[in-house]
Protein backbone atom coordinates (compact mmCIF):
# COMPACT_ATOMS: atom_id res chain seq x y z
CA MET A 1 121.05 65.79 42.26
CA MET A 2 118.22 67.34 40.28
CA ASP A 3 118.12 67.75 36.52
CA ALA A 4 118.83 71.13 34.93
CA ASN A 5 115.87 73.42 34.37
CA ASP A 6 114.84 73.20 38.00
CA VAL A 7 111.96 75.66 38.05
CA ARG A 8 111.88 76.10 41.83
CA PRO A 9 112.80 79.60 43.07
CA VAL A 10 115.84 80.77 44.99
CA GLY A 11 115.11 82.16 48.46
CA VAL A 12 116.86 85.32 49.61
CA PHE A 13 116.64 87.19 52.91
CA ASP A 14 118.13 90.12 54.77
CA SER A 15 117.37 92.05 57.93
CA GLY A 16 115.63 94.55 55.67
CA VAL A 17 115.94 96.02 52.20
CA GLY A 18 119.75 95.95 52.02
CA GLY A 19 119.81 92.51 50.42
CA LEU A 20 118.18 94.03 47.35
CA SER A 21 121.68 95.15 46.38
CA VAL A 22 122.62 91.46 46.17
CA LEU A 23 119.35 90.48 44.52
CA ARG A 24 120.04 93.09 41.84
CA CYS A 25 123.37 91.42 41.05
CA MET A 26 121.76 87.96 41.05
CA ARG A 27 119.05 89.13 38.67
CA GLU A 28 121.74 90.23 36.20
CA GLU A 29 123.73 87.02 36.62
CA LEU A 30 120.72 84.68 36.61
CA PRO A 31 118.03 86.29 34.42
CA ASN A 32 115.93 83.12 34.20
CA GLU A 33 115.69 82.30 37.90
CA ASP A 34 112.68 83.10 40.05
CA PHE A 35 113.50 84.68 43.42
CA LEU A 36 111.72 84.90 46.76
CA TYR A 37 112.86 87.79 48.95
CA VAL A 38 112.13 88.40 52.63
CA ALA A 39 112.91 91.81 54.10
CA ASP A 40 112.93 91.20 57.85
CA SER A 41 112.47 94.93 58.48
CA GLY A 42 110.36 94.38 61.59
CA TYR A 43 113.47 93.02 63.31
CA ALA A 44 116.11 95.28 61.73
CA PRO A 45 118.88 96.02 62.24
CA TYR A 46 120.51 92.68 63.02
CA GLY A 47 123.88 94.32 63.61
CA ASP A 48 123.16 95.34 67.20
CA LYS A 49 121.21 92.19 68.19
CA LEU A 50 122.42 89.20 70.21
CA ALA A 51 123.68 86.21 68.22
CA GLU A 52 120.90 83.96 69.53
CA TYR A 53 118.28 86.43 68.35
CA ILE A 54 119.80 86.58 64.85
CA GLU A 55 120.01 82.78 64.65
CA LYS A 56 116.31 82.44 65.48
CA ARG A 57 115.35 84.93 62.78
CA ALA A 58 117.58 83.19 60.25
CA PHE A 59 116.05 79.79 61.01
CA THR A 60 112.49 81.11 60.98
CA ILE A 61 112.89 82.81 57.60
CA THR A 62 114.81 79.92 56.04
CA GLN A 63 112.03 77.54 57.05
CA PHE A 64 109.46 79.90 55.54
CA LEU A 65 111.34 80.16 52.24
CA ILE A 66 111.76 76.39 51.99
CA LYS A 67 108.05 75.98 52.65
CA GLU A 68 107.46 78.37 49.74
CA GLY A 69 109.49 76.03 47.53
CA ALA A 70 113.01 77.47 47.64
CA LYS A 71 115.67 75.15 46.18
CA ALA A 72 118.53 77.23 47.64
CA ILE A 73 118.90 80.02 50.18
CA VAL A 74 121.00 83.16 49.88
CA VAL A 75 121.69 84.84 53.21
CA ALA A 76 122.01 88.36 51.77
CA CYS A 77 123.15 89.80 55.08
CA ASN A 78 126.72 89.91 56.36
CA THR A 79 125.68 89.81 60.00
CA ALA A 80 123.34 86.82 59.60
CA THR A 81 126.00 85.06 57.54
CA ALA A 82 128.64 85.59 60.19
CA VAL A 83 126.39 84.51 63.04
CA ALA A 84 124.11 81.82 61.64
CA ILE A 85 125.18 80.32 58.33
CA ALA A 86 127.15 77.39 59.77
CA LYS A 87 124.13 76.24 61.77
CA LEU A 88 121.79 76.79 58.81
CA ARG A 89 123.98 74.56 56.65
CA SER A 90 123.96 71.88 59.33
CA ALA A 91 120.19 71.98 59.63
CA PHE A 92 119.04 72.22 55.99
CA ASP A 93 120.00 69.95 53.10
CA ILE A 94 119.96 72.52 50.30
CA PRO A 95 122.63 74.95 49.06
CA ILE A 96 122.97 77.91 51.42
CA ILE A 97 125.11 80.78 50.19
CA GLY A 98 126.17 83.67 52.37
CA MET A 99 127.98 86.98 52.22
CA GLU A 100 131.67 87.48 52.78
CA PRO A 101 133.33 90.90 52.99
CA GLY A 102 135.69 91.32 50.03
CA VAL A 103 138.87 91.06 52.06
CA LYS A 104 140.75 88.92 49.53
CA PRO A 105 140.15 91.16 46.47
CA ALA A 106 140.80 94.24 48.61
CA ILE A 107 144.19 92.96 49.70
CA ALA A 108 145.02 92.10 46.10
CA ALA A 109 144.14 95.64 45.00
CA THR A 110 145.65 97.77 47.77
CA GLN A 111 148.80 99.74 47.00
CA CYS A 112 149.52 101.07 50.47
CA LYS A 113 148.72 97.80 52.27
CA VAL A 114 146.02 99.40 54.42
CA VAL A 115 142.44 98.19 53.83
CA GLY A 116 139.34 99.60 55.48
CA ILE A 117 136.17 97.61 56.14
CA MET A 118 132.82 99.22 56.94
CA ALA A 119 130.42 96.80 58.63
CA THR A 120 127.99 96.32 61.48
CA THR A 121 129.21 95.80 65.02
CA GLU A 122 128.02 92.18 65.11
CA THR A 123 129.78 91.29 61.84
CA LEU A 124 133.07 92.76 63.00
CA LYS A 125 133.10 90.92 66.33
CA SER A 126 132.15 87.54 64.83
CA GLU A 127 134.51 84.57 64.79
CA LYS A 128 133.86 84.07 61.07
CA PHE A 129 135.09 87.58 60.31
CA ARG A 130 138.17 87.16 62.51
CA LEU A 131 139.11 83.94 60.71
CA LEU A 132 138.57 85.59 57.33
CA VAL A 133 140.91 88.45 58.15
CA ASN A 134 143.54 86.14 59.60
CA ARG A 135 143.42 83.97 56.48
CA PHE A 136 144.11 86.74 54.01
CA CYS A 137 145.69 89.72 55.80
CA ASN A 138 149.35 88.59 55.44
CA ASP A 139 151.41 91.81 55.35
CA CYS A 140 148.39 94.12 55.14
CA THR A 141 146.77 96.14 57.88
CA ILE A 142 142.99 95.71 58.16
CA VAL A 143 141.21 98.71 59.66
CA THR A 144 137.64 98.02 60.72
CA GLN A 145 134.93 100.62 61.13
CA ALA A 146 131.64 99.82 62.84
CA CYS A 147 128.85 101.93 61.33
CA PRO A 148 125.86 102.08 63.70
CA GLY A 149 122.93 103.96 62.24
CA LEU A 150 123.59 103.42 58.53
CA VAL A 151 121.29 100.42 58.17
CA GLU A 152 118.46 102.39 59.72
CA GLN A 153 119.00 105.26 57.28
CA VAL A 154 118.75 102.93 54.29
CA GLU A 155 115.67 101.29 55.79
CA ARG A 156 114.11 104.76 55.86
CA PHE A 157 115.23 105.36 52.25
CA ASP A 158 117.21 108.32 53.53
CA LEU A 159 120.16 107.87 51.20
CA GLU A 160 121.29 111.48 50.87
CA GLY A 161 119.88 113.29 53.90
CA LYS A 162 121.80 115.35 56.42
CA LYS A 163 122.05 112.63 59.08
CA THR A 164 123.15 110.00 56.52
CA CYS A 165 125.86 112.29 55.15
CA GLU A 166 127.07 113.19 58.64
CA LEU A 167 127.38 109.52 59.60
CA LEU A 168 129.24 108.70 56.38
CA LYS A 169 131.62 111.63 56.75
CA ARG A 170 132.46 110.44 60.26
CA TYR A 171 132.90 106.75 59.41
CA VAL A 172 134.72 107.22 56.11
CA GLY A 173 136.79 110.04 57.59
CA GLU A 174 138.07 107.78 60.36
CA LEU A 175 139.20 105.23 57.77
CA LEU A 176 140.90 107.89 55.65
CA GLU A 177 142.78 109.17 58.72
CA LYS A 178 144.31 105.71 59.02
CA GLY A 179 145.56 105.78 55.44
CA VAL A 180 143.32 103.26 53.67
CA ASP A 181 143.24 103.16 49.88
CA ILE A 182 140.51 100.49 49.71
CA ILE A 183 137.15 100.52 51.48
CA VAL A 184 135.18 97.27 51.60
CA LEU A 185 131.42 97.54 52.04
CA GLY A 186 130.79 94.79 54.59
CA CYS A 187 127.01 95.19 54.80
CA THR A 188 124.47 94.70 52.01
CA HIS A 189 122.76 97.99 52.89
CA TYR A 190 125.88 100.03 52.18
CA PRO A 191 126.01 99.69 48.35
CA PHE A 192 122.97 101.97 48.23
CA LEU A 193 125.25 104.60 49.80
CA SER A 194 128.30 103.84 47.64
CA GLY A 195 128.03 107.03 45.59
CA ILE A 196 128.36 109.25 48.65
CA ILE A 197 131.01 106.98 50.17
CA GLN A 198 133.09 107.27 47.00
CA LYS A 199 132.62 111.03 46.87
CA ILE A 200 133.80 111.43 50.47
CA ALA A 201 136.70 109.01 50.00
CA GLY A 202 137.91 110.61 46.75
CA ASN A 203 139.22 109.15 43.53
CA GLY A 204 142.34 107.75 45.17
CA VAL A 205 140.30 105.25 47.19
CA LYS A 206 138.58 102.22 45.67
CA VAL A 207 135.21 101.12 47.09
CA ILE A 208 134.48 97.39 46.86
CA ASP A 209 131.01 95.81 46.90
CA THR A 210 130.85 92.01 46.92
CA GLY A 211 127.37 91.59 45.40
CA VAL A 212 128.67 90.58 41.97
CA ALA A 213 130.99 87.94 43.45
CA VAL A 214 128.13 86.50 45.51
CA ALA A 215 125.88 86.32 42.44
CA ARG A 216 128.56 84.37 40.58
CA GLU A 217 128.93 82.02 43.52
CA VAL A 218 125.15 81.43 43.52
CA ARG A 219 125.33 80.47 39.84
CA ARG A 220 128.25 78.14 40.53
CA ARG A 221 126.45 76.44 43.40
CA LEU A 222 123.23 75.99 41.41
CA GLU A 223 125.15 74.54 38.48
CA ALA A 224 127.14 72.21 40.75
CA ALA A 225 123.91 70.92 42.31
CA GLY A 226 122.23 70.55 38.91
CA ILE A 227 119.37 72.86 39.90
CA LEU A 228 119.93 75.83 37.61
CA ASP A 229 116.85 77.15 35.81
CA ASP A 230 118.07 77.87 32.27
CA ARG A 231 114.70 78.12 30.57
CA LEU A 232 114.46 80.94 28.04
CA LYS A 233 112.12 83.10 30.08
CA VAL A 234 112.39 86.16 32.29
CA GLY A 235 112.53 85.32 35.98
CA MET A 236 110.10 86.79 38.49
CA GLU A 237 110.43 88.04 42.06
CA ARG A 238 108.11 87.75 45.05
CA PHE A 239 108.58 89.87 48.16
CA TRP A 240 107.58 89.59 51.83
CA THR A 241 108.33 91.72 54.87
CA SER A 242 107.91 91.58 58.64
CA GLY A 243 107.92 95.37 58.76
CA ASP A 244 105.31 98.01 58.03
CA LEU A 245 103.82 96.76 54.77
CA ASN A 246 103.04 100.06 53.08
CA ASN A 247 106.33 101.67 54.05
CA VAL A 248 108.47 98.70 53.02
CA GLN A 249 106.63 98.34 49.71
CA ILE A 250 107.31 101.99 48.87
CA ILE A 251 111.01 101.61 49.70
CA ILE A 252 111.41 98.31 47.82
CA ARG A 253 109.79 99.83 44.75
CA GLN A 254 112.20 102.76 44.92
CA LEU A 255 115.30 100.62 45.44
CA TRP A 256 114.28 97.79 43.09
CA LYS A 257 113.00 100.26 40.50
CA GLY A 258 110.04 98.07 39.67
CA ASP A 259 106.38 97.64 40.47
CA ALA A 260 107.02 95.19 43.30
CA ILE A 261 104.12 93.75 45.29
CA VAL A 262 105.14 93.09 48.89
CA ARG A 263 103.22 90.65 51.08
CA PRO A 264 103.19 90.52 54.87
CA LEU A 265 105.29 87.74 56.33
CA PRO A 266 102.81 85.31 57.97
CA GLN A 267 102.28 86.10 61.63
CA GLY A 268 103.78 82.81 62.79
CA GLN A 269 107.07 83.73 61.08
CA MET A 270 107.32 87.05 62.92
CA ILE A 271 107.88 85.84 66.46
CA VAL A 272 111.20 85.26 68.17
CA ASN A 273 110.49 82.55 70.72
């Protein structure tokens, strides 16, 4: 166990820019920590890829972040968490924190006992997701909604365009037809669309994003390992991407609302063997 004031950064990655929604929550929860963020946009979306493909990307990026000095890894992607986090934890001896759709808080909050979950196809068909639902569903009905196309719209920074709105009306509408009063955002890209989702769903439906809960879990894990950076200074962020550098930098600056400098992920980290 390390002493407190561990100045090493926390590594974070997602299939693209969606994980910035989690990074935003972590920045608020952990203002002193430095963060490394990889947007694997060149390989996005993960949600329609084979499990083996996702695992290889997860391992490649985790190795890169550790090489850059990361003391912990946050898998800010529901699909990569569902597919790869167990193997990552077996392979690397540092804290690795993943995403988990907010099924438990949703079930606690629902009045009609019907909960909707919006997620990628790969997340919804994963064994981890099935076990999660079975653990908490009890007397509730869980209605799942795969949302192909939404990740790509966020990656294009098309948050309010015609196609985005049409997709959301279809996906949210199908959940509403089944009587849900809670909608869980089961992908880190979706919080950037939460305003439109809430508008379509109406005031009688609660929309749940799990970013805040994940940020608190990251703090807990860092404290438990004795590697929290509690120096009285403002933390910094560094960004990399496997996608088009100029395009991703523009989008990250818009979503992060800061003057972010994005570096290209080294060529050796961009190959799926």
